[in-house]
Amino acid sequence: MKVLIDVPIEPEVLARLQESGRHTFDAVVPPAEVERELPAERICDAEVLFCTFPPTNLPDMPALRWIQIASTGYSQLFRHSLPTRGIRATNSRGCFDVPIAEWNIAMMINLARNVRQLIRNQDARVWDRGAVFQREIRGLTVGIWGYGGIGRETARLARHLGLKVHVLVREGVRPAGLVYQVPGTGDPDGTLPHRVFRSGEEKAFLSGLDFLIVAMPLTSATEGLIGEAELRSLPPHAFVLNPARGAIIREEPLVRALREGWIAGAALDTHYRYPMPPEHPLWGLPNVIFTPHISGSSLSPNFRSRLWDIFALNLGRYERGEPLLNELTAQQLSGA
């Protein structure tokens, strides 16, 4: 079996996989995190593809049966009609659970204590010991919209800090199932939320929150899901955190909500354009913490080792005919 690799190499793991002698590994050098065409004669006999973006000439891979992608988001797969071609796909869900959950916790504390203003005061040499800088998050309620790996690890950390955890999901919380998890993290049994809301209960969910964390993938169903009605359903003292995808929250209502005080503030790590233009109002709003999509990325210190751990585990499962970790359904691959 030929395995085509178009991601940065983890030498020790690759050497261990090569030791079996059962497969041929062909690594594209340098790897790329963009769509591109690869030579047809090089890729035509690959049964497994390990990449971030499939090549633009994917039809030149008639032997392909499984794609492991190096990202949690999988919108780059939508246009390839993989299920109809008999190609399975798995993502890197679980690689970023820890760093993004830690970003969520850090942002809740930063927003509650208005650390952004404290830093401005430091720069201006202003001595202000006001009560606004001394708020606790213990006892507050965090709402997690979506309950995948990132939401589950956020819930675990939040409970240790004494927050109440509310979750909004389509059909209720279930055990995590066949997904990759860093040992000791997350909520594999689905028992951590204090309260679970389902589709149709959005207003009740939002109205009782101190923090809303967006933790769902971007699909045709979630794009623009959070708009004016949802933002106005939050209490005026609530904060919004978005480490998921910018387009899940409608841009114009979000700016208005922050300017007009429908909500207290926001921490935003995912955006509407990359990079965001310098004239965009979100850069300068005093109640916004604006980070450049760094809550979890390929530069995270443990990303590569976790990614290759997923791939190695899945390659063994593929060989043995066992279910794969993080396998995407035909519905997910259609963008629904």
Protein backbone atom coordinates (compact mmCIF):
# COMPACT_ATOMS: atom_id res chain seq x y z
CA MET A 1 0.00 0.00 0.00
CA LYS A 2 1.32 3.43 -0.93
CA VAL A 3 0.87 6.31 1.52
CA LEU A 4 1.32 9.84 0.17
CA ILE A 5 2.31 12.38 2.85
CA ASP A 6 1.88 16.12 2.30
CA VAL A 7 2.35 17.39 5.88
CA PRO A 8 5.48 18.18 7.92
CA ILE A 9 7.23 14.96 8.93
CA GLU A 10 7.51 13.65 12.46
CA PRO A 11 10.69 11.57 11.88
CA GLU A 12 10.42 9.16 14.82
CA VAL A 13 6.82 8.22 14.05
CA LEU A 14 7.47 7.84 10.34
CA ALA A 15 10.52 5.65 11.02
CA ARG A 16 8.42 3.45 13.30
CA LEU A 17 5.74 3.07 10.62
CA GLN A 18 8.37 2.25 7.99
CA GLU A 19 9.84 -0.51 10.13
CA SER A 20 6.94 -2.85 9.34
CA GLY A 21 7.92 -2.84 5.67
CA ARG A 22 4.29 -3.30 4.69
CA HIS A 23 3.83 0.10 3.08
CA THR A 24 5.56 2.59 0.82
CA PHE A 25 5.68 6.14 2.19
CA ASP A 26 6.16 9.02 -0.24
CA ALA A 27 6.60 12.43 1.40
CA VAL A 28 6.07 15.60 -0.62
CA VAL A 29 8.87 18.07 0.13
CA PRO A 30 8.19 20.78 1.00
CA PRO A 31 4.66 20.10 2.25
CA ALA A 32 2.01 22.74 1.64
CA GLU A 33 -1.05 24.08 3.45
CA VAL A 34 -2.60 25.27 0.19
CA GLU A 35 -4.36 23.57 -2.69
CA ARG A 36 -2.02 22.68 -5.54
CA GLU A 37 -1.61 20.21 -8.35
CA LEU A 38 0.71 17.27 -7.84
CA PRO A 39 2.25 15.16 -10.64
CA ALA A 40 -0.29 12.55 -11.73
CA GLU A 41 2.36 9.86 -12.15
CA ARG A 42 3.42 10.35 -8.53
CA ILE A 43 -0.01 10.21 -6.92
CA CYS A 44 -1.96 7.79 -9.13
CA ASP A 45 -1.19 4.66 -7.07
CA ALA A 46 -1.57 6.11 -3.55
CA GLU A 47 -4.22 4.38 -1.45
CA VAL A 48 -3.82 6.69 1.56
CA LEU A 49 -3.36 10.47 1.54
CA PHE A 50 -2.15 12.40 4.62
CA CYS A 51 -2.52 16.13 3.91
CA THR A 52 -4.14 19.43 4.84
CA PHE A 53 -5.60 20.12 1.39
CA PRO A 54 -6.10 17.40 -1.22
CA PRO A 55 -4.42 18.14 -4.55
CA THR A 56 -6.53 20.01 -7.07
CA ASN A 57 -6.16 17.04 -9.41
CA LEU A 58 -7.64 14.53 -6.98
CA PRO A 59 -9.29 12.62 -9.90
CA ASP A 60 -5.75 11.57 -10.82
CA MET A 61 -5.77 9.35 -7.68
CA PRO A 62 -8.01 6.40 -8.71
CA ALA A 63 -6.49 4.12 -6.04
CA LEU A 64 -7.27 6.51 -3.18
CA ARG A 65 -9.43 5.04 -0.40
CA TRP A 66 -8.75 7.15 2.70
CA ILE A 67 -7.72 10.77 3.39
CA GLN A 68 -6.40 11.86 6.80
CA ILE A 69 -6.44 15.66 6.97
CA ALA A 70 -4.28 17.77 9.27
CA SER A 71 -7.07 20.10 10.33
CA THR A 72 -10.20 19.92 12.44
CA GLY A 73 -12.24 21.90 9.92
CA TYR A 74 -13.00 19.94 6.77
CA SER A 75 -14.68 22.39 4.39
CA GLN A 76 -11.77 21.84 1.98
CA LEU A 77 -13.22 18.39 1.29
CA PHE A 78 -16.76 19.43 0.37
CA ARG A 79 -16.25 19.88 -3.36
CA HIS A 80 -14.55 16.53 -3.94
CA SER A 81 -17.67 14.27 -3.60
CA LEU A 82 -15.66 11.76 -1.59
CA PRO A 83 -18.51 9.45 -0.49
CA THR A 84 -19.69 8.88 -4.06
CA ARG A 85 -16.13 7.95 -5.01
CA GLY A 86 -15.76 5.50 -2.13
CA ILE A 87 -13.15 7.59 -0.32
CA ARG A 88 -13.22 7.79 3.48
CA ALA A 89 -11.97 10.86 5.37
CA THR A 90 -10.82 11.55 8.90
CA ASN A 91 -9.87 14.87 10.46
CA SER A 92 -7.47 15.95 13.22
CA ARG A 93 -10.13 16.55 15.84
CA GLY A 94 -8.50 16.36 19.25
CA CYS A 95 -5.20 18.00 18.33
CA PHE A 96 -6.40 21.43 19.37
CA ASP A 97 -8.73 20.59 22.25
CA VAL A 98 -6.16 21.51 24.91
CA PRO A 99 -4.78 24.80 23.53
CA ILE A 100 -8.18 26.16 22.45
CA ALA A 101 -9.82 25.21 25.74
CA GLU A 102 -6.98 26.97 27.56
CA TRP A 103 -7.53 30.03 25.34
CA ASN A 104 -11.21 29.95 26.32
CA ILE A 105 -10.35 29.92 30.02
CA ALA A 106 -7.74 32.64 29.61
CA MET A 107 -10.15 34.85 27.68
CA MET A 108 -12.93 34.44 30.25
CA ILE A 109 -10.58 35.59 33.00
CA ASN A 110 -9.18 38.41 30.86
CA LEU A 111 -12.65 39.65 29.94
CA ALA A 112 -14.04 39.37 33.47
CA ARG A 113 -11.12 41.33 34.95
CA ASN A 114 -10.83 43.71 31.98
CA VAL A 115 -7.14 42.95 31.58
CA ARG A 116 -7.15 44.82 28.26
CA GLN A 117 -7.87 48.07 30.13
CA LEU A 118 -5.31 47.22 32.81
CA ILE A 119 -2.64 46.95 30.11
CA ARG A 120 -3.72 50.28 28.66
CA ASN A 121 -3.51 51.77 32.17
CA GLN A 122 -0.02 50.35 32.56
CA ASP A 123 1.08 51.89 29.25
CA ALA A 124 -0.39 55.24 30.31
CA ARG A 125 1.00 54.93 33.87
CA VAL A 126 -2.50 55.12 35.35
CA TRP A 127 -2.99 53.73 38.88
CA ASP A 128 -6.59 52.43 39.04
CA ARG A 129 -7.58 49.75 41.55
CA GLY A 130 -11.28 49.79 40.66
CA ALA A 131 -13.60 46.90 41.44
CA VAL A 132 -14.08 46.30 37.70
CA PHE A 133 -10.60 44.72 37.64
CA GLN A 134 -11.24 42.34 40.53
CA ARG A 135 -14.14 40.19 39.39
CA GLU A 136 -14.09 36.40 39.86
CA ILE A 137 -15.37 33.86 37.34
CA ARG A 138 -16.12 31.22 39.96
CA GLY A 139 -19.89 30.73 40.19
CA LEU A 140 -20.59 32.27 36.77
CA THR A 141 -22.31 30.38 33.95
CA VAL A 142 -20.54 29.50 30.72
CA GLY A 143 -22.62 28.32 27.77
CA ILE A 144 -20.92 26.13 25.18
CA TRP A 145 -22.73 26.06 21.81
CA GLY A 146 -21.60 22.77 20.34
CA TYR A 147 -20.03 19.97 22.36
CA GLY A 148 -17.18 18.40 20.45
CA GLY A 149 -13.68 17.91 21.78
CA ILE A 150 -12.98 21.59 22.35
CA GLY A 151 -16.27 22.09 24.16
CA ARG A 152 -15.69 19.01 26.32
CA GLU A 153 -12.19 20.03 27.39
CA THR A 154 -13.42 23.57 28.07
CA ALA A 155 -16.20 22.10 30.23
CA ARG A 156 -13.69 20.03 32.20
CA LEU A 157 -11.47 23.03 32.93
CA ALA A 158 -14.44 25.29 33.66
CA ARG A 159 -15.85 22.90 36.25
CA HIS A 160 -12.49 22.77 38.02
CA LEU A 161 -12.67 26.58 38.26
CA GLY A 162 -16.14 26.46 39.75
CA LEU A 163 -18.18 27.65 36.77
CA LYS A 164 -21.60 26.28 35.92
CA VAL A 165 -21.53 24.65 32.48
CA HIS A 166 -24.52 24.85 30.14
CA VAL A 167 -24.41 23.20 26.71
CA LEU A 168 -26.53 23.65 23.58
CA VAL A 169 -26.51 20.76 21.10
CA ARG A 170 -28.90 19.48 18.48
CA GLU A 171 -30.00 16.23 20.09
CA GLY A 172 -28.46 16.04 23.55
CA VAL A 173 -25.05 15.05 24.91
CA ARG A 174 -23.77 11.55 24.24
CA PRO A 175 -20.47 9.76 24.94
CA ALA A 176 -17.68 11.09 22.72
CA GLY A 177 -17.30 7.84 20.78
CA LEU A 178 -14.48 7.13 18.32
CA VAL A 179 -12.66 10.43 18.49
CA TYR A 180 -9.07 11.20 19.37
CA GLN A 181 -8.51 12.60 22.84
CA VAL A 182 -5.34 13.52 24.68
CA PRO A 183 -5.32 11.15 27.70
CA GLY A 184 -6.93 12.67 30.78
CA THR A 185 -8.73 15.45 28.91
CA GLY A 186 -12.27 16.16 27.80
CA ASP A 187 -15.57 14.56 28.77
CA PRO A 188 -15.58 11.11 27.14
CA ASP A 189 -18.79 10.01 28.88
CA GLY A 190 -20.69 13.28 28.36
CA THR A 191 -21.45 13.79 32.06
CA LEU A 192 -19.93 17.20 32.83
CA PRO A 193 -22.61 19.76 31.79
CA HIS A 194 -24.83 21.01 34.59
CA ARG A 195 -27.62 21.61 32.09
CA VAL A 196 -28.17 20.59 28.46
CA PHE A 197 -30.32 22.52 25.98
CA ARG A 198 -31.43 21.25 22.58
CA SER A 199 -32.39 22.80 19.25
CA GLY A 200 -35.37 25.07 19.75
CA GLU A 201 -34.21 26.14 23.22
CA GLU A 202 -31.70 28.73 22.05
CA LYS A 203 -33.33 31.70 23.76
CA ALA A 204 -33.56 29.94 27.12
CA PHE A 205 -29.93 28.83 26.76
CA LEU A 206 -28.60 32.28 25.89
CA SER A 207 -30.61 34.26 28.42
CA GLY A 208 -28.90 32.69 31.42
CA LEU A 209 -25.25 33.07 30.43
CA ASP A 210 -22.29 35.09 31.61
CA PHE A 211 -20.10 33.72 28.79
CA LEU A 212 -21.05 32.23 25.42
CA ILE A 213 -18.40 30.08 23.75
CA VAL A 214 -18.93 29.17 20.09
CA ALA A 215 -17.62 25.62 19.67
CA MET A 216 -19.22 24.22 16.53
CA PRO A 217 -17.84 23.61 13.02
CA LEU A 218 -18.66 25.91 10.11
CA THR A 219 -21.19 24.22 7.81
CA SER A 220 -24.08 25.37 5.64
CA ALA A 221 -26.30 24.92 8.71
CA THR A 222 -24.11 26.95 11.10
CA GLU A 223 -22.97 29.78 8.82
CA GLY A 224 -24.61 32.97 10.13
CA LEU A 225 -26.39 30.97 12.82
CA ILE A 226 -25.77 33.61 15.47
CA GLY A 227 -27.28 36.95 14.48
CA GLU A 228 -29.11 39.88 16.01
CA ALA A 229 -31.82 37.83 17.71
CA GLU A 230 -29.32 35.54 19.36
CA LEU A 231 -27.00 38.34 20.47
CA ARG A 232 -29.92 40.31 21.91
CA SER A 233 -31.00 37.19 23.82
CA LEU A 234 -27.79 37.33 25.85
CA PRO A 235 -27.77 39.40 29.06
CA PRO A 236 -26.04 42.81 28.66
CA HIS A 237 -23.29 41.67 31.04
CA ALA A 238 -22.45 38.58 28.94
CA PHE A 239 -19.28 38.07 26.92
CA VAL A 240 -18.96 36.17 23.61
CA LEU A 241 -15.93 34.02 22.76
CA ASN A 242 -15.40 32.71 19.23
CA PRO A 243 -12.49 30.32 18.65
CA ALA A 244 -14.53 28.35 16.08
CA ARG A 245 -15.14 30.18 12.78
CA GLY A 246 -15.85 33.86 12.27
CA ALA A 247 -18.73 33.34 9.84
CA ILE A 248 -20.83 31.50 12.43
CA ILE A 249 -21.57 34.92 13.96
CA ARG A 250 -22.95 37.49 11.54
CA GLU A 251 -20.52 40.33 11.20
CA GLU A 252 -22.73 43.43 11.21
CA PRO A 253 -24.88 42.42 14.22
CA LEU A 254 -21.74 41.52 16.18
CA VAL A 255 -20.18 44.94 15.61
CA ARG A 256 -23.44 46.63 16.58
CA ALA A 257 -23.81 44.48 19.69
CA LEU A 258 -20.35 45.49 20.86
CA ARG A 259 -20.75 49.17 20.00
CA GLU A 260 -24.26 49.56 21.37
CA GLY A 261 -23.88 47.48 24.53
CA TRP A 262 -26.18 44.55 23.78
CA ILE A 263 -23.33 42.49 25.27
CA ALA A 264 -20.39 43.43 27.49
CA GLY A 265 -17.59 42.38 25.16
CA ALA A 266 -16.00 39.62 23.14
CA ALA A 267 -12.84 37.62 22.58
CA LEU A 268 -12.44 36.75 18.90
CA ASP A 269 -9.82 34.42 17.48
CA THR A 270 -11.52 33.62 14.17
CA HIS A 271 -12.44 36.29 11.67
CA TYR A 272 -14.25 37.35 8.52
CA ARG A 273 -11.17 38.00 6.41
CA TYR A 274 -7.55 36.87 6.70
CA PRO A 275 -5.84 39.06 7.64
CA MET A 276 -8.52 41.42 8.89
CA PRO A 277 -8.09 44.85 7.25
CA PRO A 278 -6.59 47.46 9.61
CA GLU A 279 -9.60 49.75 9.20
CA HIS A 280 -12.06 47.14 10.50
CA PRO A 281 -13.81 48.40 13.65
CA LEU A 282 -13.20 45.20 15.63
CA TRP A 283 -9.52 46.10 15.92
CA GLY A 284 -10.22 49.18 17.97
CA LEU A 285 -13.26 48.42 20.08
CA PRO A 286 -12.27 48.78 23.75
CA ASN A 287 -14.39 45.80 24.84
CA VAL A 288 -12.85 43.33 22.37
CA ILE A 289 -9.83 41.05 22.70
CA PHE A 290 -8.76 40.37 19.13
CA THR A 291 -6.28 37.53 18.48
CA PRO A 292 -5.03 36.40 15.04
CA HIS A 293 -6.30 32.80 14.98
CA ILE A 294 -3.70 31.50 17.41
CA SER A 295 -5.87 29.67 19.96
CA GLY A 296 -4.81 26.48 18.21
CA SER A 297 -2.74 26.19 15.04
CA SER A 298 -0.05 24.13 13.38
CA LEU A 299 2.48 26.18 15.39
CA SER A 300 1.10 24.89 18.70
CA PRO A 301 3.99 23.03 20.40
CA ASN A 302 2.24 19.64 20.56
CA PHE A 303 0.32 19.84 17.30
CA ARG A 304 2.63 17.75 15.13
CA SER A 305 3.11 14.95 17.65
CA ARG A 306 -0.65 14.69 18.25
CA LEU A 307 -1.40 14.81 14.53
CA TRP A 308 0.99 11.97 13.81
CA ASP A 309 -0.36 10.05 16.79
CA ILE A 310 -3.83 10.22 15.18
CA PHE A 311 -2.44 9.13 11.82
CA ALA A 312 -0.44 6.23 13.28
CA LEU A 313 -3.42 4.98 15.29
CA ASN A 314 -5.69 5.27 12.27
CA LEU A 315 -3.24 3.58 9.92
CA GLY A 316 -3.22 0.58 12.24
CA ARG A 317 -7.02 0.60 12.39
CA TYR A 318 -7.22 0.89 8.59
CA GLU A 319 -4.92 -2.12 8.15
CA ARG A 320 -7.00 -4.20 10.55
CA GLY A 321 -10.34 -3.17 9.08
CA GLU A 322 -11.40 -1.44 12.32
CA PRO A 323 -13.43 1.78 12.61
CA LEU A 324 -11.28 4.89 12.23
CA LEU A 325 -10.95 7.69 14.77
CA ASN A 326 -12.52 11.02 13.75
CA GLU A 327 -14.18 9.57 10.66
CA LEU A 328 -16.41 12.09 8.87
CA THR A 329 -19.86 11.00 7.77
CA ALA A 330 -21.24 11.38 4.27
CA GLN A 331 -23.51 14.13 5.59
CA GLN A 332 -20.56 16.01 7.06
CA LEU A 333 -18.58 15.64 3.84
CA SER A 334 -21.48 17.15 1.92
CA GLY A 335 -21.27 20.30 4.05
CA ALA A 336 -24.68 19.80 5.64
